N, C-alpha and C. Protein backbone atom coordinates (compact mmCIF):
# COMPACT_ATOMS: atom_id res chain seq x y z
N MET A 1 -90.16 27.97 -116.42
CA MET A 1 -90.17 27.35 -117.18
C MET A 1 -92.47 28.04 -117.40
N ILE A 2 -92.46 28.48 -118.33
CA ILE A 2 -93.40 28.88 -118.36
C ILE A 2 -94.77 28.23 -118.98
N PHE A 3 -96.32 28.74 -119.24
CA PHE A 3 -97.28 27.31 -120.00
C PHE A 3 -96.43 26.85 -120.71
N PRO A 4 -96.70 25.88 -121.66
CA PRO A 4 -96.53 25.81 -123.20
C PRO A 4 -97.43 25.82 -124.09
N LEU A 5 -97.50 27.30 -124.75
CA LEU A 5 -98.15 27.57 -125.11
C LEU A 5 -98.13 27.27 -127.28
N LYS A 6 -96.84 27.59 -126.92
CA LYS A 6 -96.32 27.14 -128.24
C LYS A 6 -97.28 25.60 -128.15
N GLU A 7 -96.35 25.27 -127.63
CA GLU A 7 -97.01 23.23 -128.04
C GLU A 7 -97.84 23.01 -127.86
N LEU A 8 -99.00 23.82 -126.89
CA LEU A 8 -100.62 23.82 -127.21
C LEU A 8 -101.46 24.22 -128.79
N ILE A 9 -100.69 24.99 -129.06
CA ILE A 9 -101.20 25.70 -130.66
C ILE A 9 -100.84 25.01 -131.97
N GLU A 10 -100.22 24.63 -131.64
CA GLU A 10 -99.40 23.38 -132.12
C GLU A 10 -99.68 21.64 -132.43
N TYR A 11 -100.51 21.38 -131.45
CA TYR A 11 -100.88 20.08 -130.98
C TYR A 11 -101.79 20.00 -132.04
N GLU A 12 -101.60 18.55 -132.90
CA GLU A 12 -103.05 17.86 -133.90
C GLU A 12 -103.68 17.12 -133.32
N GLY A 13 -103.44 16.87 -131.71
CA GLY A 13 -104.87 15.87 -131.30
C GLY A 13 -105.57 16.82 -130.11
N ASN A 14 -106.91 16.36 -130.13
CA ASN A 14 -107.83 17.18 -128.84
C ASN A 14 -106.94 17.40 -128.15
N ARG A 15 -107.60 19.38 -128.29
CA ARG A 15 -106.42 20.05 -126.91
C ARG A 15 -107.44 19.90 -125.69
N TYR A 16 -108.73 19.62 -125.66
CA TYR A 16 -109.54 19.69 -124.46
C TYR A 16 -109.21 18.55 -123.64
N GLU A 17 -108.63 17.50 -124.17
CA GLU A 17 -108.35 16.03 -123.90
C GLU A 17 -107.09 15.85 -123.18
N ILE A 18 -106.22 16.94 -123.75
CA ILE A 18 -104.81 16.91 -123.31
C ILE A 18 -104.93 18.11 -122.01
N THR A 19 -105.79 19.08 -122.73
CA THR A 19 -105.98 20.21 -121.61
C THR A 19 -106.08 18.87 -120.41
N CYS A 20 -106.77 18.75 -120.13
CA CYS A 20 -107.32 17.63 -119.52
C CYS A 20 -106.46 16.53 -118.33
N ALA A 21 -105.70 16.50 -118.98
CA ALA A 21 -104.24 15.60 -118.29
C ALA A 21 -103.43 16.06 -117.95
N ALA A 22 -103.35 17.62 -118.42
CA ALA A 22 -102.06 18.58 -117.89
C ALA A 22 -102.94 18.59 -116.24
N SER A 23 -104.50 19.12 -116.53
CA SER A 23 -104.37 19.35 -115.33
C SER A 23 -104.51 18.58 -114.24
N ARG A 24 -105.48 17.11 -114.76
CA ARG A 24 -105.03 16.27 -113.69
C ARG A 24 -103.92 15.87 -113.37
N ARG A 25 -102.46 15.81 -114.06
CA ARG A 25 -101.21 15.68 -113.73
C ARG A 25 -100.81 16.82 -112.53
N ALA A 26 -100.94 18.68 -112.84
CA ALA A 26 -100.84 19.10 -111.69
C ALA A 26 -101.54 18.65 -110.11
N TYR A 27 -102.42 17.81 -110.45
CA TYR A 27 -103.80 17.46 -109.05
C TYR A 27 -102.40 16.59 -108.72
N GLN A 28 -102.33 15.38 -109.64
CA GLN A 28 -101.25 14.73 -108.95
C GLN A 28 -99.89 15.27 -108.35
N LEU A 29 -99.03 15.62 -109.08
CA LEU A 29 -97.89 16.43 -108.52
C LEU A 29 -97.72 17.28 -107.26
N SER A 30 -99.35 17.85 -107.67
CA SER A 30 -99.02 18.19 -105.66
C SER A 30 -99.35 17.86 -104.75
N MET A 31 -100.83 17.09 -105.03
CA MET A 31 -100.15 16.24 -103.84
C MET A 31 -99.62 15.33 -103.74
N LEU A 32 -98.35 14.75 -104.46
CA LEU A 32 -97.11 13.51 -103.54
C LEU A 32 -95.98 14.96 -103.19
N ARG A 33 -96.68 16.24 -103.14
CA ARG A 33 -95.53 17.40 -103.00
C ARG A 33 -94.58 16.92 -104.11
N ASP A 34 -94.18 17.00 -105.24
CA ASP A 34 -93.49 16.59 -105.76
C ASP A 34 -92.54 18.20 -106.08
N PRO A 35 -90.92 16.88 -105.86
CA PRO A 35 -89.66 18.02 -105.26
C PRO A 35 -89.65 19.25 -107.20
N ASP A 36 -89.99 18.47 -107.81
CA ASP A 36 -89.88 18.89 -109.40
C ASP A 36 -90.44 19.82 -108.95
N ILE A 37 -91.52 20.38 -108.43
CA ILE A 37 -92.38 21.67 -108.23
C ILE A 37 -91.20 23.08 -107.80
N GLU A 38 -91.16 22.46 -106.83
CA GLU A 38 -89.41 23.76 -106.62
C GLU A 38 -88.76 24.06 -107.37
N ASP A 39 -87.66 23.11 -108.14
CA ASP A 39 -87.61 23.42 -109.70
C ASP A 39 -87.91 24.14 -110.02
N ASN A 40 -89.09 24.46 -110.76
CA ASN A 40 -90.01 24.96 -111.79
C ASN A 40 -90.43 26.03 -111.01
N ASP A 41 -90.25 26.95 -109.34
CA ASP A 41 -91.07 27.82 -108.96
C ASP A 41 -91.93 28.28 -108.57
N GLY A 42 -92.57 27.05 -108.40
CA GLY A 42 -93.62 26.38 -107.98
C GLY A 42 -95.02 26.17 -108.65
N LYS A 43 -94.36 25.98 -109.87
CA LYS A 43 -95.24 26.34 -111.00
C LYS A 43 -95.64 24.74 -111.03
N VAL A 44 -96.76 24.54 -110.95
CA VAL A 44 -97.54 22.97 -111.19
C VAL A 44 -97.96 23.44 -112.55
N VAL A 45 -98.71 23.66 -112.71
CA VAL A 45 -99.23 23.53 -113.55
C VAL A 45 -98.80 23.29 -115.15
N SER A 46 -97.61 23.49 -114.84
CA SER A 46 -96.94 25.03 -116.05
C SER A 46 -96.23 23.80 -116.10
N LEU A 47 -95.05 23.03 -115.30
CA LEU A 47 -94.56 21.81 -114.96
C LEU A 47 -95.55 20.51 -115.69
N ALA A 48 -96.67 20.47 -115.49
CA ALA A 48 -97.35 19.30 -115.70
C ALA A 48 -97.77 19.32 -117.26
N ALA A 49 -98.03 20.06 -118.09
CA ALA A 49 -97.58 20.82 -119.25
C ALA A 49 -96.88 20.58 -120.19
N GLN A 50 -96.04 20.95 -119.50
CA GLN A 50 -94.73 20.39 -119.77
C GLN A 50 -94.51 19.04 -120.43
N GLN A 51 -94.73 18.15 -118.83
CA GLN A 51 -94.44 16.53 -118.81
C GLN A 51 -95.08 15.93 -119.73
N VAL A 52 -97.15 16.66 -120.23
CA VAL A 52 -97.26 16.00 -120.83
C VAL A 52 -97.63 15.84 -122.49
N PHE A 53 -96.54 17.33 -122.56
CA PHE A 53 -96.39 18.03 -124.36
C PHE A 53 -95.00 17.00 -124.57
N THR A 54 -94.45 17.23 -124.03
CA THR A 54 -92.80 16.10 -123.60
C THR A 54 -93.04 14.70 -124.12
N ARG A 55 -94.21 14.45 -123.69
CA ARG A 55 -94.59 12.28 -123.79
C ARG A 55 -93.59 12.60 -122.77
N GLU A 56 -93.39 13.05 -121.96
CA GLU A 56 -92.86 12.44 -120.51
C GLU A 56 -93.43 11.05 -119.38
N ILE A 57 -94.81 11.95 -119.24
CA ILE A 57 -95.94 11.34 -119.32
C ILE A 57 -96.62 10.86 -120.54
N ASP A 58 -97.32 9.29 -119.81
CA ASP A 58 -99.27 9.76 -121.29
C ASP A 58 -100.19 9.40 -120.91
N PHE A 59 -101.06 9.75 -121.26
CA PHE A 59 -102.13 9.58 -120.64
C PHE A 59 -103.07 9.15 -121.09
N ARG A 60 -104.56 8.49 -121.41
CA ARG A 60 -104.72 7.67 -121.76
C ARG A 60 -106.89 8.13 -120.73
N LEU A 61 -107.68 8.32 -122.46
CA LEU A 61 -109.42 8.17 -121.50
C LEU A 61 -109.59 6.81 -121.00
N GLU A 62 -110.70 7.16 -120.14
CA GLU A 62 -111.01 6.53 -119.90
C GLU A 62 -112.39 5.77 -119.67
N GLU A 63 -112.39 4.60 -120.00
CA GLU A 63 -114.10 4.28 -120.63
C GLU A 63 -115.21 4.48 -119.94
N GLY A 64 -115.96 5.28 -119.04
CA GLY A 64 -116.66 4.94 -118.23
C GLY A 64 -118.57 4.97 -119.06
């Protein structure tokens, strides 16, 4: 799986927010050593982005 550029281009919301969400998710996946990483040829960032864009996971901004 490659990084979902088409979904990023067509995304209607804040691209910075969704990019940050994918980045944070990639960190989580790598720290948890998620088995899906191996199924994705070790491509953590593209797996995380796919999960975010397909709404497999949800994200929200924290007020700080």
